[in-house]
Amino acid sequence: MAKPSEKQIAARAYKLWEEAGMPKGKDDEFWHAAEQELLKEDKSNPMRTPDTL
């Protein structure tokens, strides 16, 4: 499984932050949530092959 890049995580975290009303001081929470979402997304990808497991 390929780990999401920092750029992918940052983009997703920013979107989550915007959707939450742009609260201050929660950068780490949004970063972690974005990373987990992207990792979960990869695991559920039907295009995965045995080589990428």
N, C-alpha and C. Protein backbone atom coordinates (compact mmCIF):
# COMPACT_ATOMS: atom_id res chain seq x y z
N MET A 1 0.85 -1.18 0.00
CA MET A 1 0.00 0.00 0.00
C MET A 1 0.90 1.23 0.00
N ALA A 2 0.61 2.12 -0.90
CA ALA A 2 1.38 3.36 -0.99
C ALA A 2 0.82 4.37 0.01
N LYS A 3 1.72 4.96 0.76
CA LYS A 3 1.31 5.98 1.72
C LYS A 3 1.01 7.27 0.95
N PRO A 4 -0.04 7.98 1.32
CA PRO A 4 -0.34 9.23 0.62
C PRO A 4 0.79 10.24 0.79
N SER A 5 1.00 11.05 -0.23
CA SER A 5 2.05 12.07 -0.16
C SER A 5 1.62 13.20 0.77
N GLU A 6 2.60 13.98 1.20
CA GLU A 6 2.30 15.13 2.06
C GLU A 6 1.39 16.11 1.34
N LYS A 7 1.59 16.24 0.04
CA LYS A 7 0.77 17.16 -0.76
C LYS A 7 -0.70 16.68 -0.76
N GLN A 8 -0.92 15.37 -0.92
CA GLN A 8 -2.28 14.83 -0.90
C GLN A 8 -2.93 15.04 0.47
N ILE A 9 -2.17 14.76 1.52
CA ILE A 9 -2.69 14.91 2.88
C ILE A 9 -3.02 16.38 3.14
N ALA A 10 -2.12 17.28 2.75
CA ALA A 10 -2.34 18.70 2.98
C ALA A 10 -3.60 19.19 2.26
N ALA A 11 -3.79 18.75 1.03
CA ALA A 11 -4.97 19.18 0.27
C ALA A 11 -6.25 18.68 0.94
N ARG A 12 -6.25 17.43 1.37
CA ARG A 12 -7.44 16.87 2.02
C ARG A 12 -7.66 17.53 3.38
N ALA A 13 -6.60 17.75 4.14
CA ALA A 13 -6.72 18.40 5.45
C ALA A 13 -7.29 19.81 5.30
N TYR A 14 -6.85 20.52 4.29
CA TYR A 14 -7.35 21.88 4.06
C TYR A 14 -8.85 21.85 3.75
N LYS A 15 -9.26 20.89 2.94
CA LYS A 15 -10.68 20.78 2.60
C LYS A 15 -11.51 20.46 3.85
N LEU A 16 -11.01 19.54 4.67
CA LEU A 16 -11.72 19.20 5.92
C LEU A 16 -11.81 20.42 6.84
N TRP A 17 -10.71 21.16 6.92
CA TRP A 17 -10.65 22.36 7.76
C TRP A 17 -11.66 23.40 7.29
N GLU A 18 -11.72 23.62 5.98
CA GLU A 18 -12.69 24.56 5.42
C GLU A 18 -14.13 24.13 5.74
N GLU A 19 -14.41 22.84 5.55
CA GLU A 19 -15.74 22.31 5.79
C GLU A 19 -16.15 22.44 7.26
N ALA A 20 -15.16 22.43 8.15
CA ALA A 20 -15.42 22.53 9.58
C ALA A 20 -15.53 23.98 10.05
N GLY A 21 -15.44 24.93 9.14
CA GLY A 21 -15.56 26.34 9.51
C GLY A 21 -14.24 27.01 9.84
N MET A 22 -13.13 26.41 9.45
CA MET A 22 -11.79 26.98 9.62
C MET A 22 -11.42 27.28 11.07
N PRO A 23 -11.60 26.30 11.97
CA PRO A 23 -11.24 26.55 13.37
C PRO A 23 -9.73 26.70 13.55
N LYS A 24 -9.34 27.53 14.49
CA LYS A 24 -7.92 27.76 14.76
C LYS A 24 -7.38 26.72 15.74
N GLY A 25 -6.10 26.39 15.58
CA GLY A 25 -5.41 25.53 16.52
C GLY A 25 -5.71 24.05 16.41
N LYS A 26 -6.25 23.59 15.29
CA LYS A 26 -6.59 22.17 15.15
C LYS A 26 -5.87 21.55 13.95
N ASP A 27 -4.74 22.11 13.59
CA ASP A 27 -4.00 21.64 12.42
C ASP A 27 -3.69 20.14 12.48
N ASP A 28 -3.17 19.70 13.63
CA ASP A 28 -2.79 18.30 13.78
C ASP A 28 -3.98 17.37 13.63
N GLU A 29 -5.12 17.78 14.17
CA GLU A 29 -6.32 16.95 14.08
C GLU A 29 -6.76 16.77 12.64
N PHE A 30 -6.75 17.85 11.88
CA PHE A 30 -7.17 17.76 10.48
C PHE A 30 -6.15 16.98 9.65
N TRP A 31 -4.88 17.15 9.94
CA TRP A 31 -3.83 16.40 9.24
C TRP A 31 -4.03 14.91 9.47
N HIS A 32 -4.21 14.52 10.72
CA HIS A 32 -4.38 13.11 11.06
C HIS A 32 -5.65 12.54 10.41
N ALA A 33 -6.75 13.28 10.47
CA ALA A 33 -8.00 12.83 9.88
C ALA A 33 -7.86 12.64 8.37
N ALA A 34 -7.18 13.58 7.72
CA ALA A 34 -6.98 13.50 6.27
C ALA A 34 -6.12 12.29 5.92
N GLU A 35 -5.06 12.08 6.68
CA GLU A 35 -4.18 10.95 6.42
C GLU A 35 -4.94 9.63 6.58
N GLN A 36 -5.74 9.52 7.63
CA GLN A 36 -6.52 8.30 7.85
C GLN A 36 -7.53 8.07 6.73
N GLU A 37 -8.19 9.13 6.30
CA GLU A 37 -9.16 9.00 5.20
C GLU A 37 -8.48 8.50 3.94
N LEU A 38 -7.34 9.07 3.61
CA LEU A 38 -6.64 8.67 2.40
C LEU A 38 -6.13 7.24 2.49
N LEU A 39 -5.66 6.83 3.65
CA LEU A 39 -5.21 5.45 3.83
C LEU A 39 -6.39 4.48 3.70
N LYS A 40 -7.52 4.84 4.29
CA LYS A 40 -8.72 4.00 4.21
C LYS A 40 -9.21 3.91 2.77
N GLU A 41 -9.17 5.03 2.07
CA GLU A 41 -9.57 5.08 0.66
C GLU A 41 -8.75 4.12 -0.16
N ASP A 42 -7.44 4.09 0.09
CA ASP A 42 -6.55 3.21 -0.66
C ASP A 42 -6.88 1.75 -0.39
N LYS A 43 -7.19 1.41 0.84
CA LYS A 43 -7.49 0.02 1.19
C LYS A 43 -8.78 -0.46 0.54
N SER A 44 -9.71 0.45 0.29
CA SER A 44 -10.98 0.05 -0.29
C SER A 44 -11.00 0.19 -1.81
N ASN A 45 -9.89 0.55 -2.39
CA ASN A 45 -9.81 0.73 -3.84
C ASN A 45 -9.94 -0.62 -4.54
N PRO A 46 -10.97 -0.80 -5.36
CA PRO A 46 -11.17 -2.09 -6.05
C PRO A 46 -10.11 -2.37 -7.11
N MET A 47 -9.32 -1.38 -7.48
CA MET A 47 -8.28 -1.59 -8.50
C MET A 47 -6.98 -2.14 -7.90
N ARG A 48 -6.98 -2.36 -6.60
CA ARG A 48 -5.77 -2.91 -5.98
C ARG A 48 -5.55 -4.32 -6.50
N THR A 49 -4.31 -4.67 -6.64
CA THR A 49 -3.95 -6.01 -7.08
C THR A 49 -3.11 -6.66 -5.98
N PRO A 50 -2.91 -7.97 -6.06
CA PRO A 50 -2.09 -8.63 -5.01
C PRO A 50 -0.71 -8.00 -4.87
N ASP A 51 -0.18 -7.42 -5.93
CA ASP A 51 1.13 -6.78 -5.87
C ASP A 51 1.13 -5.53 -4.99
N THR A 52 -0.02 -4.90 -4.83
CA THR A 52 -0.08 -3.65 -4.07
C THR A 52 -0.63 -3.84 -2.67
N LEU A 53 -0.90 -5.07 -2.28
CA LEU A 53 -1.45 -5.32 -0.94
C LEU A 53 -0.39 -5.27 0.12
